[in-house]
Amino acid sequence: MSLEFDIEDDVNEAEIDIGDDLKTEEPKDGNLASSAAGAKVIATTSSDPRYPATNIIDGNLSLFWVTTGMFPHEFVIQLPRLSKISSIQLKSQNVKQLRVLRCDQPTPTNFQEVYTDILSRAPGIQSHQKSFNQVPALYLKFVLLSGYTDFAAIFNVNVQP
């Protein structure tokens, strides 16, 4: 499995301050992983033009990104800026085991685990929320390690400071 990155905006080290004074300005709804806030999906391991990865961050729960069978599957979200994050909410379907990793560097190459969790099986949309001590992140990698069926869907990701 390989990930291809499509980083549209150049991010250089001069723009990123990894110190304690990370920018905390947040979008109106607080979701740092929304396209309205400036987030981008920069990598996925599956693609279906009917269900593009941009659906993950558009805020519309009637649209979704779908895996194309067999696990694991991954997607990477570039946040609009380096931010301290403390909560992630995922709206999904048929995701069994999820791992979330973060990178606070200018390029998304050195990821550290935030958490791994088993999601409860639910009819319809699963709602999963995890809170943790604040950590800096510019990129978030979501790894769908397994699913309850051969295919899984991600409707929305909400990342809070």
Protein backbone atom coordinates (compact mmCIF):
# COMPACT_ATOMS: atom_id res chain seq x y z
CA MET A 1 0.00 0.00 0.00
CA SER A 2 1.32 3.41 -0.86
CA LEU A 3 0.08 6.89 -0.21
CA GLU A 4 0.45 9.68 -2.70
CA PHE A 5 0.48 13.17 -1.29
CA ASP A 6 -0.98 16.20 -2.99
CA ILE A 7 0.09 19.14 -0.87
CA GLU A 8 -1.38 22.16 -2.59
CA ASP A 9 0.04 24.85 -0.33
CA ASP A 10 3.75 25.04 0.30
CA VAL A 11 4.43 24.85 4.01
CA ASN A 12 7.86 25.93 5.08
CA GLU A 13 9.48 25.85 8.46
CA ALA A 14 9.43 29.64 8.78
CA GLU A 15 5.61 29.52 8.85
CA ILE A 16 5.42 26.86 11.56
CA ASP A 17 6.08 27.58 15.21
CA ILE A 18 6.16 24.37 17.23
CA GLY A 19 6.50 26.19 20.54
CA ASP A 20 3.90 26.72 23.26
CA ASP A 21 2.38 29.69 21.48
CA LEU A 22 0.62 27.70 18.76
CA LYS A 23 -2.14 29.60 17.06
CA THR A 24 -5.45 28.83 18.70
CA GLU A 25 -7.75 30.83 16.42
CA GLU A 26 -10.49 28.45 15.38
CA PRO A 27 -13.27 28.34 12.81
CA LYS A 28 -16.79 29.35 13.90
CA ASP A 29 -17.88 25.75 14.52
CA GLY A 30 -14.47 24.90 16.00
CA ASN A 31 -13.81 22.15 13.43
CA LEU A 32 -10.21 22.46 12.27
CA ALA A 33 -10.74 19.59 9.80
CA SER A 34 -13.39 21.28 7.68
CA SER A 35 -12.94 22.59 4.17
CA ALA A 36 -14.55 25.84 5.38
CA ALA A 37 -11.65 26.24 7.84
CA GLY A 38 -9.10 25.54 5.09
CA ALA A 39 -8.38 21.85 5.74
CA LYS A 40 -7.57 19.53 2.82
CA VAL A 41 -7.57 15.77 2.29
CA ILE A 42 -4.12 15.26 0.77
CA ALA A 43 -3.86 11.47 0.56
CA THR A 44 -6.06 8.38 0.40
CA THR A 45 -5.49 4.70 -0.29
CA SER A 46 -8.69 4.27 -2.28
CA SER A 47 -10.55 6.38 -4.76
CA ASP A 48 -14.01 6.29 -6.28
CA PRO A 49 -15.05 9.39 -8.24
CA ARG A 50 -18.64 8.95 -7.02
CA TYR A 51 -17.47 9.20 -3.38
CA PRO A 52 -14.42 11.53 -3.29
CA ALA A 53 -12.35 12.05 -0.16
CA THR A 54 -13.32 15.73 -0.10
CA ASN A 55 -16.69 14.52 1.23
CA ILE A 56 -14.95 13.79 4.56
CA ILE A 57 -14.38 17.49 5.26
CA ASP A 58 -17.32 19.20 3.53
CA GLY A 59 -19.67 19.11 6.54
CA ASN A 60 -22.47 17.39 4.60
CA LEU A 61 -23.46 14.14 6.36
CA SER A 62 -25.33 12.91 3.29
CA LEU A 63 -22.01 12.62 1.40
CA PHE A 64 -19.13 10.27 2.21
CA TRP A 65 -15.81 8.72 1.14
CA VAL A 66 -15.90 4.97 0.67
CA THR A 67 -13.13 2.37 0.88
CA THR A 68 -12.69 -0.02 -2.02
CA GLY A 69 -12.47 -3.28 -0.08
CA MET A 70 -9.76 -5.02 1.92
CA PHE A 71 -8.12 -3.31 4.88
CA PRO A 72 -6.21 -1.28 6.00
CA HIS A 73 -7.22 2.00 4.36
CA GLU A 74 -5.83 5.45 5.11
CA PHE A 75 -6.53 9.09 4.53
CA VAL A 76 -4.51 12.14 5.55
CA ILE A 77 -5.97 15.54 6.39
CA GLN A 78 -3.86 18.69 6.33
CA LEU A 79 -5.17 21.15 8.91
CA PRO A 80 -5.21 24.83 7.92
CA ARG A 81 -2.33 25.55 10.32
CA LEU A 82 -0.32 23.91 13.07
CA SER A 83 -2.78 23.63 15.96
CA LYS A 84 -3.12 22.11 19.38
CA ILE A 85 -5.90 19.52 19.17
CA SER A 86 -7.69 17.69 21.99
CA SER A 87 -10.70 15.94 20.47
CA ILE A 88 -11.62 14.03 17.31
CA GLN A 89 -15.12 13.03 16.29
CA LEU A 90 -15.67 10.64 13.40
CA LYS A 91 -18.94 9.87 11.61
CA SER A 92 -18.52 6.58 9.80
CA GLN A 93 -20.10 3.31 8.80
CA ASN A 94 -18.69 -0.21 9.21
CA VAL A 95 -15.34 0.90 10.70
CA LYS A 96 -14.19 -1.59 13.33
CA GLN A 97 -10.66 -0.60 14.36
CA LEU A 98 -9.27 2.91 13.87
CA ARG A 99 -5.81 4.36 14.46
CA VAL A 100 -5.20 8.12 14.38
CA LEU A 101 -1.70 9.56 14.00
CA ARG A 102 -0.44 13.14 13.89
CA CYS A 103 2.47 15.02 12.38
CA ASP A 104 3.52 18.51 13.42
CA GLN A 105 6.28 18.90 10.84
CA PRO A 106 6.15 20.87 7.55
CA THR A 107 6.00 17.66 5.50
CA PRO A 108 3.79 14.68 6.43
CA THR A 109 6.48 12.06 6.94
CA ASN A 110 7.00 11.52 10.68
CA PHE A 111 3.70 10.50 12.28
CA GLN A 112 3.13 9.73 15.95
CA GLU A 113 0.16 7.78 17.28
CA VAL A 114 -2.60 9.76 18.97
CA TYR A 115 -4.80 6.73 19.72
CA THR A 116 -6.12 3.38 18.50
CA ASP A 117 -9.68 2.38 19.25
CA ILE A 118 -12.35 -0.21 18.50
CA LEU A 119 -15.57 1.38 17.29
CA SER A 120 -18.92 -0.07 18.27
CA ARG A 121 -20.98 -1.61 15.52
CA ALA A 122 -24.09 0.43 14.84
CA PRO A 123 -26.94 0.33 12.36
CA GLY A 124 -26.48 3.34 10.12
CA ILE A 125 -23.88 5.98 10.95
CA GLN A 126 -21.38 5.32 13.73
CA SER A 127 -20.53 8.29 15.94
CA HIS A 128 -17.11 8.00 17.56
CA GLN A 129 -15.53 10.68 19.74
CA LYS A 130 -12.19 10.60 21.51
CA SER A 131 -10.75 13.28 23.80
CA PHE A 132 -7.10 13.42 24.83
CA ASN A 133 -4.46 15.78 26.22
CA GLN A 134 -3.70 18.55 23.72
CA VAL A 135 -1.10 17.65 21.10
CA PRO A 136 0.25 19.72 18.20
CA ALA A 137 -0.77 18.64 14.70
CA LEU A 138 -0.58 19.94 11.17
CA TYR A 139 -1.45 16.60 9.55
CA LEU A 140 -3.70 13.80 10.79
CA LYS A 141 -3.53 10.29 9.38
CA PHE A 142 -6.57 8.06 9.88
CA VAL A 143 -5.91 4.34 9.43
CA LEU A 144 -8.94 2.09 9.13
CA LEU A 145 -7.34 -1.13 10.34
CA SER A 146 -10.44 -3.29 9.97
CA GLY A 147 -14.13 -3.09 9.25
CA TYR A 148 -17.33 -4.90 10.11
CA THR A 149 -17.86 -5.57 6.38
CA ASP A 150 -15.62 -5.42 3.29
CA PHE A 151 -16.37 -1.75 2.74
CA ALA A 152 -16.45 1.23 5.10
CA ALA A 153 -17.50 4.85 4.71
CA ILE A 154 -16.36 8.09 6.35
CA PHE A 155 -18.98 10.85 6.43
CA ASN A 156 -17.22 13.50 8.51
CA VAL A 157 -14.20 14.25 10.67
CA ASN A 158 -14.41 16.95 13.33
CA VAL A 159 -11.18 18.04 15.05
CA GLN A 160 -11.38 20.41 18.00
CA PRO A 161 -8.64 22.43 19.69
